[in-house]
Protein backbone atom coordinates (compact mmCIF):
# COMPACT_ATOMS: atom_id res chain seq x y z
CA MET A 1 0.00 0.00 0.00
CA LEU A 2 1.10 3.56 -0.65
CA PHE A 3 0.97 4.53 3.03
CA ASP A 4 3.77 2.00 3.74
CA LEU A 5 6.13 3.99 1.50
CA PRO A 6 8.16 6.90 2.85
CA ASP A 7 6.80 10.42 2.56
CA HIS A 8 6.32 12.13 -0.80
CA ALA A 9 9.50 14.23 -0.54
CA THR A 10 11.65 11.16 0.14
CA MET A 11 10.16 9.30 -2.81
CA HIS A 12 10.61 12.25 -5.17
CA ALA A 13 14.24 12.54 -4.07
CA ALA A 14 14.68 8.85 -4.89
CA LEU A 15 13.12 9.50 -8.30
CA LEU A 16 15.51 12.38 -9.02
CA ALA A 17 18.44 10.19 -7.94
CA ARG A 18 17.18 7.25 -10.03
CA ASP A 19 17.64 5.14 -6.92
CA ALA A 20 17.80 1.52 -8.12
CA SER A 21 17.16 0.22 -4.60
CA TRP A 22 13.46 0.94 -5.20
CA GLU A 23 13.32 -1.32 -8.26
CA GLY A 24 10.16 -3.40 -8.05
CA ARG A 25 9.17 -1.77 -4.74
CA ALA A 26 7.84 1.60 -5.87
CA TYR A 27 6.56 3.28 -9.02
CA VAL A 28 5.86 6.89 -9.94
CA CYS A 29 2.59 7.96 -11.60
CA VAL A 30 2.73 11.23 -13.56
CA SER A 31 -0.55 13.15 -13.74
CA THR A 32 0.46 15.29 -16.72
CA THR A 33 1.17 12.29 -18.98
CA GLY A 34 -1.09 9.58 -17.52
CA ILE A 35 1.77 7.07 -17.40
CA PHE A 36 3.67 5.29 -14.63
CA CYS A 37 7.38 4.54 -14.54
CA ARG A 38 10.12 2.89 -12.57
CA LEU A 39 12.05 5.34 -10.41
CA THR A 40 15.09 4.68 -12.61
CA CYS A 41 13.33 5.76 -15.81
CA PRO A 42 15.71 7.86 -17.95
CA ALA A 43 12.92 10.22 -19.05
CA ARG A 44 12.85 13.84 -17.91
CA LYS A 45 11.80 13.99 -14.28
CA PRO A 46 8.34 15.44 -13.50
CA LEU A 47 7.67 18.15 -10.94
CA PRO A 48 6.81 16.83 -7.46
CA GLU A 49 3.25 18.15 -7.60
CA ASN A 50 2.62 16.02 -10.70
CA CYS A 51 3.77 12.79 -9.04
CA SER A 52 2.14 10.14 -6.93
CA PHE A 53 3.92 7.02 -5.72
CA HIS A 54 2.57 3.49 -5.47
CA ALA A 55 4.04 0.27 -4.15
CA THR A 56 2.66 -2.01 -6.87
CA VAL A 57 1.90 -2.05 -10.56
CA ALA A 58 -1.69 -3.00 -9.71
CA GLU A 59 -2.22 0.26 -7.78
CA CYS A 60 -0.85 2.26 -10.72
CA MET A 61 -3.10 0.56 -13.26
CA GLU A 62 -6.17 0.68 -11.03
CA ALA A 63 -5.50 4.41 -10.60
CA GLY A 64 -5.83 4.77 -14.38
CA PHE A 65 -2.17 5.05 -15.47
CA ARG A 66 -0.54 3.37 -18.48
CA PRO A 67 2.93 1.78 -18.36
CA CYS A 68 5.78 3.87 -19.75
CA LYS A 69 7.03 2.64 -23.11
CA ARG A 70 10.53 3.87 -22.36
CA CYS A 71 11.35 2.20 -19.04
CA ARG A 72 8.72 -0.56 -19.48
CA PRO A 73 7.86 -1.09 -15.80
CA LEU A 74 5.83 -4.21 -16.55
CA ALA A 75 8.51 -6.01 -18.51
CA LYS A 76 11.25 -5.12 -16.06
CA ALA A 77 9.30 -6.23 -13.01
CA GLY A 78 9.17 -9.93 -13.88
CA ALA A 79 12.23 -12.13 -14.30
CA GLU A 80 10.34 -15.30 -15.31
CA PRO A 81 10.30 -15.92 -19.08
CA ALA A 82 6.53 -16.51 -19.01
CA VAL A 83 5.94 -13.02 -17.61
CA THR A 84 8.17 -11.39 -20.21
CA GLU A 85 6.57 -13.31 -23.04
CA LEU A 86 2.98 -12.57 -22.01
CA LEU A 87 3.66 -8.88 -21.42
CA ALA A 88 5.15 -8.66 -24.91
CA MET A 89 1.98 -10.27 -26.32
CA LEU A 90 -0.21 -7.83 -24.39
CA GLU A 91 1.80 -4.86 -25.63
CA ALA A 92 1.58 -6.09 -29.23
CA ASP A 93 -2.21 -6.56 -29.07
CA PRO A 94 -3.77 -4.70 -26.08
CA GLY A 95 -7.29 -5.21 -27.44
CA ARG A 96 -7.08 -9.00 -27.49
CA ARG A 97 -9.57 -10.83 -25.27
CA TRP A 98 -7.51 -13.34 -23.32
CA ARG A 99 -9.08 -16.45 -21.80
CA GLU A 100 -7.66 -19.13 -19.58
CA ARG A 101 -7.83 -21.61 -22.45
CA ASP A 102 -5.62 -19.28 -24.53
CA LEU A 103 -2.96 -19.51 -21.84
CA ILE A 104 -3.22 -23.28 -21.77
CA ALA A 105 -2.99 -23.45 -25.57
CA ALA A 106 0.17 -21.34 -25.41
CA GLY A 107 1.73 -23.86 -23.03
CA TYR A 108 1.26 -21.99 -19.72
CA ASP A 109 -0.14 -23.35 -16.48
CA PRO A 110 -2.91 -20.91 -15.41
CA SER A 111 -2.52 -21.50 -11.66
CA THR A 112 1.23 -20.88 -11.82
CA LEU A 113 0.68 -17.75 -13.88
CA ARG A 114 -1.87 -16.42 -11.38
CA ARG A 115 0.60 -16.77 -8.53
CA THR A 116 3.46 -15.29 -10.55
CA PHE A 117 1.54 -12.23 -11.78
CA ARG A 118 0.01 -11.58 -8.37
CA ARG A 119 3.47 -11.71 -6.81
CA HIS A 120 4.91 -9.23 -9.31
CA PHE A 121 1.95 -6.98 -10.06
CA GLY A 122 -0.77 -7.54 -7.46
CA MET A 123 -3.18 -8.78 -10.15
CA THR A 124 -3.46 -11.69 -12.55
CA PHE A 125 -2.57 -11.47 -16.22
CA LEU A 126 -6.24 -11.83 -17.19
CA GLU A 127 -7.20 -8.98 -14.81
CA MET A 128 -4.45 -6.81 -16.29
CA ALA A 129 -5.66 -7.45 -19.83
CA ARG A 130 -9.29 -6.72 -18.87
CA LEU A 131 -8.36 -3.36 -17.30
CA ARG A 132 -6.57 -2.31 -20.49
CA ARG A 133 -9.67 -3.07 -22.56
CA LEU A 134 -12.28 -1.56 -20.26
CA ARG A 135 -10.69 1.88 -20.33
CA GLU A 136 -11.16 1.99 -24.11
CA GLY A 137 -14.85 1.20 -23.66
CA PHE A 138 -15.32 3.95 -21.09
CA ALA A 139 -13.75 6.50 -23.43
CA ALA A 140 -16.05 5.49 -26.29
CA LEU A 141 -19.19 5.78 -24.15
CA GLU A 142 -18.28 9.21 -22.81
CA GLN A 143 -17.73 10.48 -26.34
CA GLY A 144 -21.31 9.53 -27.18
CA GLY A 145 -20.65 6.17 -28.80
CA LYS A 146 -23.17 3.34 -28.70
CA VAL A 147 -22.72 0.42 -26.34
CA ILE A 148 -21.83 -1.93 -29.20
CA ALA A 149 -19.14 0.50 -30.39
CA ALA A 150 -17.79 0.81 -26.84
CA GLN A 151 -17.80 -2.96 -26.55
CA LEU A 152 -15.80 -3.33 -29.75
CA ASP A 153 -13.40 -0.53 -28.77
CA ALA A 154 -12.81 -2.38 -25.52
CA GLY A 155 -12.07 -5.60 -27.41
CA PHE A 156 -15.04 -7.57 -26.04
CA GLU A 157 -16.51 -10.03 -28.54
CA SER A 158 -19.49 -10.71 -26.26
CA ALA A 159 -21.94 -7.95 -25.31
CA SER A 160 -22.84 -9.84 -22.13
CA ALA A 161 -19.18 -10.06 -21.08
CA PHE A 162 -18.71 -6.32 -21.64
CA ARG A 163 -21.83 -5.54 -19.62
CA ALA A 164 -20.69 -7.80 -16.81
CA ALA A 165 -17.17 -6.34 -16.70
CA PHE A 166 -18.55 -2.80 -16.86
CA ALA A 167 -21.02 -3.56 -14.05
CA ARG A 168 -18.33 -5.09 -11.83
CA LEU A 169 -16.25 -1.93 -12.01
CA LEU A 170 -19.01 0.72 -12.04
CA GLY A 171 -21.94 -1.10 -10.54
CA ARG A 172 -24.07 -0.35 -13.64
CA ALA A 173 -24.48 -1.93 -17.07
CA PRO A 174 -23.49 0.48 -19.88
CA GLY A 175 -26.97 0.35 -21.47
CA GLU A 176 -28.51 1.75 -18.29
CA LEU A 177 -26.75 5.07 -18.82
CA ARG A 178 -28.57 6.93 -21.61
CA ALA A 179 -28.26 10.51 -22.80
CA GLY A 180 -30.86 13.19 -22.13
CA GLN A 181 -31.78 12.35 -18.53
CA LEU A 182 -32.30 14.78 -15.65
CA LEU A 183 -29.05 13.51 -14.10
CA SER A 184 -25.98 12.84 -16.24
CA ALA A 185 -22.92 10.77 -15.37
CA SER A 186 -19.40 11.31 -16.61
CA TRP A 187 -15.91 9.91 -16.00
CA ILE A 188 -13.26 12.25 -14.65
CA PRO A 189 -9.70 10.89 -14.78
CA THR A 190 -7.44 11.76 -11.84
CA PRO A 191 -3.96 10.65 -10.74
CA LEU A 192 -5.65 8.51 -8.06
CA GLY A 193 -7.97 6.73 -10.49
CA ASP A 194 -11.08 7.46 -12.52
CA MET A 195 -13.92 9.19 -10.69
CA ILE A 196 -17.62 8.90 -11.50
CA ALA A 197 -19.47 12.21 -11.36
CA VAL A 198 -23.24 12.71 -11.60
CA ALA A 199 -24.83 16.14 -12.02
CA SER A 200 -27.98 17.93 -13.07
CA ALA A 201 -27.89 21.08 -15.17
CA SER A 202 -27.21 23.12 -12.04
CA HIS A 203 -25.64 20.96 -9.28
CA LEU A 204 -23.18 18.12 -8.71
CA HIS A 205 -24.92 15.24 -6.93
CA LEU A 206 -22.20 12.56 -6.75
CA LEU A 207 -18.43 12.26 -7.08
CA GLU A 208 -16.89 8.90 -6.25
CA PHE A 209 -13.86 6.83 -7.19
CA ALA A 210 -14.81 4.06 -9.61
CA GLY A 211 -15.00 0.73 -7.86
CA ARG A 212 -16.27 2.07 -4.54
CA LYS A 213 -18.53 -0.62 -3.09
CA ALA A 214 -21.27 1.84 -2.17
CA LEU A 215 -21.52 3.26 -5.70
CA PRO A 216 -24.34 1.01 -7.01
CA ALA A 217 -26.54 1.81 -4.00
CA GLU A 218 -25.73 5.52 -4.32
CA LEU A 219 -26.74 5.52 -7.99
CA ARG A 220 -30.00 3.77 -7.17
CA GLN A 221 -30.69 6.34 -4.45
CA LEU A 222 -30.05 9.17 -6.90
CA GLU A 223 -32.51 7.65 -9.35
CA THR A 224 -35.12 7.41 -6.61
CA GLU A 225 -34.58 11.05 -5.70
CA ALA A 226 -34.66 12.18 -9.34
CA ARG A 227 -37.59 9.87 -10.19
CA GLY A 228 -35.78 8.77 -13.30
CA PRO A 229 -32.63 6.98 -14.49
CA VAL A 230 -29.13 8.43 -14.49
CA GLY A 231 -27.88 9.09 -18.02
CA LEU A 232 -24.62 9.91 -19.77
CA GLY A 233 -23.46 13.34 -20.85
CA ARG A 234 -21.79 16.57 -19.82
CA THR A 235 -23.31 19.50 -17.92
CA ASP A 236 -21.81 22.76 -16.67
CA PRO A 237 -21.29 21.42 -13.11
CA LEU A 238 -19.47 18.36 -14.53
CA ASP A 239 -17.16 20.55 -16.60
CA GLN A 240 -16.53 22.83 -13.62
CA ALA A 241 -15.84 19.86 -11.34
CA ALA A 242 -13.35 18.41 -13.85
CA GLU A 243 -11.50 21.73 -14.09
CA GLU A 244 -11.35 22.19 -10.31
CA LEU A 245 -10.14 18.62 -9.75
CA ALA A 246 -7.43 19.12 -12.38
CA ARG A 247 -6.17 22.18 -10.48
CA TYR A 248 -6.37 20.31 -7.18
CA PHE A 249 -4.44 17.25 -8.34
CA GLY A 250 -2.06 19.50 -10.27
CA GLY A 251 -1.02 21.12 -6.99
CA GLN A 252 -2.49 24.56 -7.75
CA ASP A 253 -5.25 24.99 -5.15
CA ALA A 254 -7.94 23.23 -3.11
CA ILE A 255 -10.75 25.61 -4.06
CA PHE A 256 -14.04 23.96 -5.02
CA ALA A 257 -16.90 26.26 -6.04
CA THR A 258 -18.98 23.73 -8.00
CA PRO A 259 -22.61 23.93 -6.72
CA LEU A 260 -23.29 20.78 -4.69
CA ALA A 261 -26.48 18.85 -3.95
CA PRO A 262 -25.36 15.95 -1.76
CA GLY A 263 -28.82 14.95 -0.48
CA GLY A 264 -28.94 13.53 3.03
CA THR A 265 -30.69 14.67 6.18
CA ALA A 266 -30.43 18.10 7.74
CA PHE A 267 -28.01 16.65 10.31
CA SER A 268 -25.81 15.08 7.61
CA ARG A 269 -25.68 18.35 5.68
CA GLN A 270 -24.62 20.11 8.87
CA VAL A 271 -21.76 17.63 9.25
CA TRP A 272 -20.76 17.98 5.59
CA ALA A 273 -20.74 21.78 5.86
CA ALA A 274 -18.39 21.42 8.85
CA LEU A 275 -16.15 19.16 6.75
CA ARG A 276 -15.86 21.86 4.10
CA ARG A 277 -14.71 24.35 6.73
CA ILE A 278 -11.66 22.21 7.60
CA PRO A 279 -8.73 23.95 5.89
CA ALA A 280 -6.79 21.92 3.34
CA GLY A 281 -3.72 20.48 5.02
CA GLU A 282 -5.48 19.98 8.37
CA THR A 283 -7.41 17.04 9.84
CA ARG A 284 -10.05 16.56 12.53
CA SER A 285 -11.38 13.65 14.59
CA TYR A 286 -15.03 12.63 14.72
CA GLY A 287 -15.16 14.11 18.21
CA ASP A 288 -13.80 17.41 16.90
CA LEU A 289 -16.55 17.53 14.28
CA ALA A 290 -19.25 16.71 16.82
CA ARG A 291 -18.09 19.60 19.01
CA GLU A 292 -17.83 21.86 15.94
CA ILE A 293 -21.54 21.45 15.19
CA GLY A 294 -22.53 21.79 18.85
CA ARG A 295 -23.40 18.10 19.31
CA PRO A 296 -20.51 16.66 21.36
CA GLU A 297 -22.56 13.58 22.28
CA ALA A 298 -23.24 12.68 18.62
CA VAL A 299 -19.84 11.24 17.68
CA ARG A 300 -21.29 8.05 16.21
CA ALA A 301 -23.90 9.95 14.23
CA VAL A 302 -21.16 12.21 12.88
CA ALA A 303 -19.17 9.13 11.81
CA ARG A 304 -22.22 7.72 10.00
CA ALA A 305 -22.81 11.02 8.20
CA ASN A 306 -19.14 11.10 7.22
CA GLY A 307 -19.40 7.61 5.74
CA ALA A 308 -22.62 8.48 3.88
CA ASN A 309 -21.00 11.35 1.98
CA ARG A 310 -21.27 10.71 -1.75
CA ILE A 311 -19.26 13.71 -2.98
CA ALA A 312 -15.64 12.74 -2.38
CA VAL A 313 -12.78 15.27 -2.24
CA MET A 314 -15.07 18.32 -2.57
CA ILE A 315 -16.80 17.39 0.70
CA PRO A 316 -13.51 16.31 2.29
CA CYS A 317 -14.42 13.34 4.48
CA HIS A 318 -10.80 12.20 3.96
CA ARG A 319 -9.76 14.97 6.40
CA VAL A 320 -11.31 13.05 9.31
CA ILE A 321 -8.96 10.66 11.12
CA GLY A 322 -9.07 8.66 14.33
CA ALA A 323 -8.59 10.35 17.69
CA ASP A 324 -5.27 8.47 17.94
CA GLY A 325 -4.09 9.84 14.59
CA SER A 326 -4.82 6.66 12.60
CA LEU A 327 -6.28 7.01 9.10
CA THR A 328 -9.45 4.98 9.89
CA GLY A 329 -11.68 3.78 7.06
CA TYR A 330 -12.19 5.42 3.68
CA GLY A 331 -14.51 4.13 0.95
CA GLY A 332 -12.02 5.01 -1.79
CA GLY A 333 -9.23 3.05 -0.08
CA LEU A 334 -6.78 4.03 2.65
CA TRP A 335 -3.96 4.53 0.15
CA ARG A 336 -6.07 7.22 -1.57
CA LYS A 337 -6.90 8.85 1.76
CA GLN A 338 -3.19 9.00 2.59
CA ARG A 339 -2.37 10.52 -0.78
CA LEU A 340 -5.16 13.13 -0.52
CA ILE A 341 -3.80 14.19 2.86
CA GLU A 342 -0.30 14.41 1.35
CA ILE A 343 -1.56 16.52 -1.57
CA GLU A 344 -3.23 18.92 0.83
CA ALA A 345 -0.18 19.11 3.08
CA ALA A 346 1.62 20.50 0.04
CA LEU A 347 -1.28 22.92 -0.46
CA ARG A 348 -1.31 23.99 3.17
CA GLY A 349 -3.00 27.35 3.49
CA GLY A 350 -5.61 26.61 0.77
CA ARG A 351 -9.14 27.73 1.76
CA ALA A 352 -12.67 27.46 0.45
CA PRO A 353 -13.55 30.37 -1.85
CA GLU A 354 -14.91 33.57 -0.37
CA GLY A 355 -18.65 33.36 -0.01
CA ALA A 356 -18.78 29.55 -0.16
CA PRO A 357 -22.03 28.46 1.51
CA GLU A 358 -21.88 26.95 4.98
CA ARG A 359 -25.11 25.08 4.25
CA LEU A 360 -25.23 22.75 1.27
CA GLY A 361 -27.98 23.03 -1.31
CA ASP A 362 -30.54 20.40 -2.27
CA GLY A 363 -30.26 21.08 -5.99
CA ARG A 364 -33.81 22.31 -6.37
């Protein structure tokens, strides 16, 4: 996990020094290029604010980054001939749909390969190939393509297989997301992985990292509230959110002025407003938040409201840690929570924009 690595400054120093002792133990993801590299990569070194560091190839790929073609972090990570051979095949034909029987036909033992790839990359070869293909499908859908075109772009011969893979990652089948609905969904790439955003013409209703377990239930709740299905498309709040997240992850500021409609009860909205008043670069405990809203006895209720937040980053539930300083749970993954805290430490002094509402809107 990322939080087992040294701090960001130490890792960036190792990157600048091309420290070979980190070979196979750490990788750098570069937000401006969308690729990840070994720390010894000979390419020009990125600025620290454009870097994030991960302990495994799996974390880099799940965060949405592609392997560098210059330092080839995948090929260099595995010494076994089978790993080298299969990675070369994947690079030559990234759209190919691999099956276990293909591996057997090529003379590989699937169980041995699973162990080998998990040891080197944190995922199996088949999982790695599927991730490469799914990203192509997502891009086609967001550009207005039909499901069948997205399926073909993603290299899936079977529509049912594409729907199943899409649903496993997003919690929704691609055909359920149609254009022209009251609420529209879009994908926003970030250095910490793709985010799913849902907005109306005037407000942002959801912002979550893809793969969050609560996402399917949150989408169903949004449809209940909107009395209609969530569709695909872009709205002004989605464009504004994408621009503000790009500045945030680019190390420029932590200012979010996108109009929000997070739903929830009056108590939850009171907690979320208190979260937005925590300055970037600082953290609070659940007890601190309870006292902040004048309800010191409601620590557990505050924790539940924190966990029910469906607008990540902009309503910064990641700024809440345990009373003992531990990270505690985070729906997007503890490694993301650690990295968000590190990003904001570098942005220390950032504040919400002047005039930002203390009470969150309902989108009406």
